[in-house]
Amino acid sequence: GCSDSDGVDMYGLDGEEMWYADFNKGEGVVALPPFADPFTFPGFYEQAVGNQGVCKANPATSIKAYKNPEE
């Protein structure tokens, strides 16, 4: 969810998607099949929003710290 084109942050287990934050809809989505045991992700969406802000700020901070390095 760090780039301008990405709109999700995902948590998975063994290659299977369990939950994702859909920033376009503004909510967390449980992606487990209906037959799976109920599982909750309290606070995950709020954490994903915070992580997205940090991720987007990191490039600008690095450029300033390293005095605009070449790509």
N, C-alpha and C. Protein backbone atom coordinates (compact mmCIF):
# COMPACT_ATOMS: atom_id res chain seq x y z
N GLY A 1 0.80 -1.19 0.00
CA GLY A 1 0.00 0.00 0.00
C GLY A 1 0.84 1.25 0.00
N CYS A 2 2.11 1.18 -0.42
CA CYS A 2 2.98 2.34 -0.31
C CYS A 2 2.95 3.23 -1.53
N SER A 3 2.75 2.70 -2.70
CA SER A 3 2.77 3.54 -3.90
C SER A 3 1.40 4.19 -4.12
N ASP A 4 1.38 5.16 -5.01
CA ASP A 4 0.12 5.84 -5.30
C ASP A 4 -0.87 4.92 -5.99
N SER A 5 -0.38 3.88 -6.67
CA SER A 5 -1.28 2.99 -7.40
C SER A 5 -1.78 1.82 -6.56
N ASP A 6 -1.06 1.47 -5.49
CA ASP A 6 -1.49 0.36 -4.64
C ASP A 6 -2.57 0.82 -3.68
N GLY A 7 -3.58 -0.01 -3.47
CA GLY A 7 -4.64 0.35 -2.56
C GLY A 7 -4.92 -0.70 -1.53
N VAL A 8 -3.99 -1.61 -1.26
CA VAL A 8 -4.23 -2.66 -0.28
C VAL A 8 -2.97 -2.94 0.54
N ASP A 9 -3.17 -3.50 1.72
CA ASP A 9 -2.12 -4.03 2.58
C ASP A 9 -2.64 -5.39 3.01
N MET A 10 -1.85 -6.47 2.85
CA MET A 10 -2.36 -7.82 3.01
C MET A 10 -1.58 -8.60 4.06
N TYR A 11 -2.30 -9.45 4.78
CA TYR A 11 -1.70 -10.42 5.70
C TYR A 11 -2.08 -11.81 5.21
N GLY A 12 -1.10 -12.71 5.18
CA GLY A 12 -1.38 -14.06 4.70
C GLY A 12 -0.66 -15.10 5.53
N LEU A 13 -0.99 -16.34 5.24
CA LEU A 13 -0.37 -17.48 5.91
C LEU A 13 -0.24 -18.60 4.89
N ASP A 14 0.97 -19.14 4.74
CA ASP A 14 1.23 -20.23 3.79
C ASP A 14 0.78 -19.89 2.37
N GLY A 15 1.00 -18.65 1.97
CA GLY A 15 0.65 -18.22 0.63
C GLY A 15 -0.82 -17.91 0.41
N GLU A 16 -1.62 -17.99 1.44
CA GLU A 16 -3.05 -17.71 1.33
C GLU A 16 -3.37 -16.36 1.98
N GLU A 17 -4.17 -15.58 1.31
CA GLU A 17 -4.58 -14.28 1.85
C GLU A 17 -5.60 -14.50 2.96
N MET A 18 -5.35 -13.87 4.12
CA MET A 18 -6.26 -13.99 5.25
C MET A 18 -7.06 -12.71 5.47
N TRP A 19 -6.40 -11.59 5.26
CA TRP A 19 -7.00 -10.29 5.54
C TRP A 19 -6.30 -9.24 4.70
N TYR A 20 -7.02 -8.21 4.30
CA TYR A 20 -6.37 -7.09 3.62
C TYR A 20 -7.07 -5.79 3.95
N ALA A 21 -6.28 -4.72 3.94
CA ALA A 21 -6.80 -3.38 4.15
C ALA A 21 -7.08 -2.78 2.79
N ASP A 22 -8.31 -2.47 2.54
CA ASP A 22 -8.70 -1.85 1.28
C ASP A 22 -8.80 -0.35 1.53
N PHE A 23 -7.74 0.39 1.15
CA PHE A 23 -7.69 1.82 1.42
C PHE A 23 -8.68 2.59 0.55
N ASN A 24 -9.03 2.04 -0.60
CA ASN A 24 -10.01 2.70 -1.46
C ASN A 24 -11.39 2.69 -0.82
N LYS A 25 -11.73 1.61 -0.12
CA LYS A 25 -13.02 1.50 0.56
C LYS A 25 -12.95 1.99 2.00
N GLY A 26 -11.73 2.08 2.55
CA GLY A 26 -11.56 2.54 3.93
C GLY A 26 -11.94 1.51 4.97
N GLU A 27 -11.63 0.24 4.69
CA GLU A 27 -11.98 -0.82 5.64
C GLU A 27 -11.06 -2.02 5.50
N GLY A 28 -11.06 -2.84 6.54
CA GLY A 28 -10.35 -4.11 6.49
C GLY A 28 -11.30 -5.19 6.02
N VAL A 29 -10.79 -6.15 5.25
CA VAL A 29 -11.61 -7.21 4.68
C VAL A 29 -11.02 -8.56 5.06
N VAL A 30 -11.83 -9.41 5.69
CA VAL A 30 -11.41 -10.78 6.00
C VAL A 30 -11.61 -11.60 4.73
N ALA A 31 -10.53 -12.24 4.26
CA ALA A 31 -10.57 -12.97 3.01
C ALA A 31 -10.62 -14.48 3.21
N LEU A 32 -10.93 -14.92 4.40
CA LEU A 32 -11.01 -16.36 4.68
C LEU A 32 -12.31 -16.93 4.12
N PRO A 33 -12.29 -18.17 3.68
CA PRO A 33 -13.53 -18.78 3.17
C PRO A 33 -14.55 -18.97 4.29
N PRO A 34 -15.82 -19.09 3.93
CA PRO A 34 -16.88 -19.20 4.95
C PRO A 34 -16.73 -20.42 5.87
N PHE A 35 -16.08 -21.49 5.39
CA PHE A 35 -15.97 -22.68 6.22
C PHE A 35 -14.82 -22.59 7.24
N ALA A 36 -13.99 -21.55 7.15
CA ALA A 36 -12.87 -21.39 8.10
C ALA A 36 -13.40 -20.96 9.47
N ASP A 37 -12.66 -21.30 10.51
CA ASP A 37 -13.03 -20.84 11.85
C ASP A 37 -13.04 -19.32 11.86
N PRO A 38 -14.02 -18.73 12.56
CA PRO A 38 -14.08 -17.26 12.62
C PRO A 38 -12.78 -16.69 13.19
N PHE A 39 -12.33 -15.61 12.62
CA PHE A 39 -11.06 -14.99 13.00
C PHE A 39 -11.24 -13.49 12.90
N THR A 40 -10.74 -12.74 13.87
CA THR A 40 -10.87 -11.29 13.82
C THR A 40 -9.50 -10.64 13.76
N PHE A 41 -9.45 -9.42 13.29
CA PHE A 41 -8.22 -8.68 13.12
C PHE A 41 -8.39 -7.29 13.75
N PRO A 42 -8.56 -7.22 15.07
CA PRO A 42 -8.80 -5.92 15.70
C PRO A 42 -7.58 -4.99 15.58
N GLY A 43 -7.82 -3.79 15.12
CA GLY A 43 -6.77 -2.79 15.03
C GLY A 43 -5.88 -2.90 13.81
N PHE A 44 -6.06 -3.92 12.98
CA PHE A 44 -5.18 -4.11 11.82
C PHE A 44 -5.37 -3.00 10.79
N TYR A 45 -6.61 -2.55 10.56
CA TYR A 45 -6.82 -1.51 9.55
C TYR A 45 -6.14 -0.21 9.99
N GLU A 46 -6.31 0.16 11.24
CA GLU A 46 -5.69 1.38 11.75
C GLU A 46 -4.17 1.30 11.66
N GLN A 47 -3.61 0.14 11.95
CA GLN A 47 -2.17 -0.06 11.84
C GLN A 47 -1.72 0.05 10.38
N ALA A 48 -2.50 -0.50 9.46
CA ALA A 48 -2.16 -0.43 8.04
C ALA A 48 -2.17 1.01 7.55
N VAL A 49 -3.12 1.82 8.02
CA VAL A 49 -3.18 3.23 7.64
C VAL A 49 -1.93 3.95 8.14
N GLY A 50 -1.53 3.68 9.39
CA GLY A 50 -0.32 4.28 9.93
C GLY A 50 0.93 3.86 9.19
N ASN A 51 1.02 2.57 8.86
CA ASN A 51 2.17 2.06 8.11
C ASN A 51 2.26 2.69 6.72
N GLN A 52 1.11 2.92 6.10
CA GLN A 52 1.09 3.53 4.78
C GLN A 52 1.66 4.95 4.83
N GLY A 53 1.31 5.70 5.86
CA GLY A 53 1.85 7.05 6.02
C GLY A 53 3.36 7.05 6.20
N VAL A 54 3.86 6.13 7.02
CA VAL A 54 5.30 6.02 7.25
C VAL A 54 6.01 5.63 5.96
N CYS A 55 5.45 4.67 5.25
CA CYS A 55 6.06 4.19 4.01
C CYS A 55 6.16 5.31 2.97
N LYS A 56 5.12 6.12 2.86
CA LYS A 56 5.13 7.21 1.89
C LYS A 56 6.09 8.33 2.29
N ALA A 57 6.34 8.49 3.58
CA ALA A 57 7.25 9.53 4.05
C ALA A 57 8.72 9.11 3.96
N ASN A 58 9.00 7.82 3.96
CA ASN A 58 10.39 7.34 3.95
C ASN A 58 11.22 7.82 2.78
N PRO A 59 10.73 7.79 1.52
CA PRO A 59 11.57 8.26 0.42
C PRO A 59 12.00 9.72 0.57
N ALA A 60 11.09 10.59 0.96
CA ALA A 60 11.44 12.01 1.13
C ALA A 60 12.46 12.19 2.25
N THR A 61 12.30 11.44 3.32
CA THR A 61 13.25 11.51 4.44
C THR A 61 14.63 11.02 4.00
N SER A 62 14.68 9.93 3.25
CA SER A 62 15.96 9.39 2.78
C SER A 62 16.65 10.36 1.81
N ILE A 63 15.89 10.94 0.91
CA ILE A 63 16.47 11.90 -0.04
C ILE A 63 17.08 13.07 0.70
N LYS A 64 16.38 13.58 1.71
CA LYS A 64 16.90 14.71 2.49
C LYS A 64 18.14 14.28 3.28
N ALA A 65 18.09 13.11 3.90
CA ALA A 65 19.20 12.65 4.72
C ALA A 65 20.46 12.37 3.90
N TYR A 66 20.28 11.83 2.70
CA TYR A 66 21.42 11.49 1.86
C TYR A 66 21.71 12.55 0.81
N LYS A 67 21.11 13.72 0.97
CA LYS A 67 21.36 14.88 0.10
C LYS A 67 21.10 14.56 -1.38
N ASN A 68 19.90 14.01 -1.63
CA ASN A 68 19.41 13.74 -2.99
C ASN A 68 20.35 12.85 -3.79
N PRO A 69 20.50 11.59 -3.40
CA PRO A 69 21.42 10.68 -4.13
C PRO A 69 20.87 10.34 -5.51
N GLU A 70 21.76 9.87 -6.37
CA GLU A 70 21.32 9.40 -7.69
C GLU A 70 20.51 8.13 -7.52
N GLU A 71 19.63 7.83 -8.50
CA GLU A 71 18.83 6.62 -8.43
C GLU A 71 19.69 5.39 -8.62
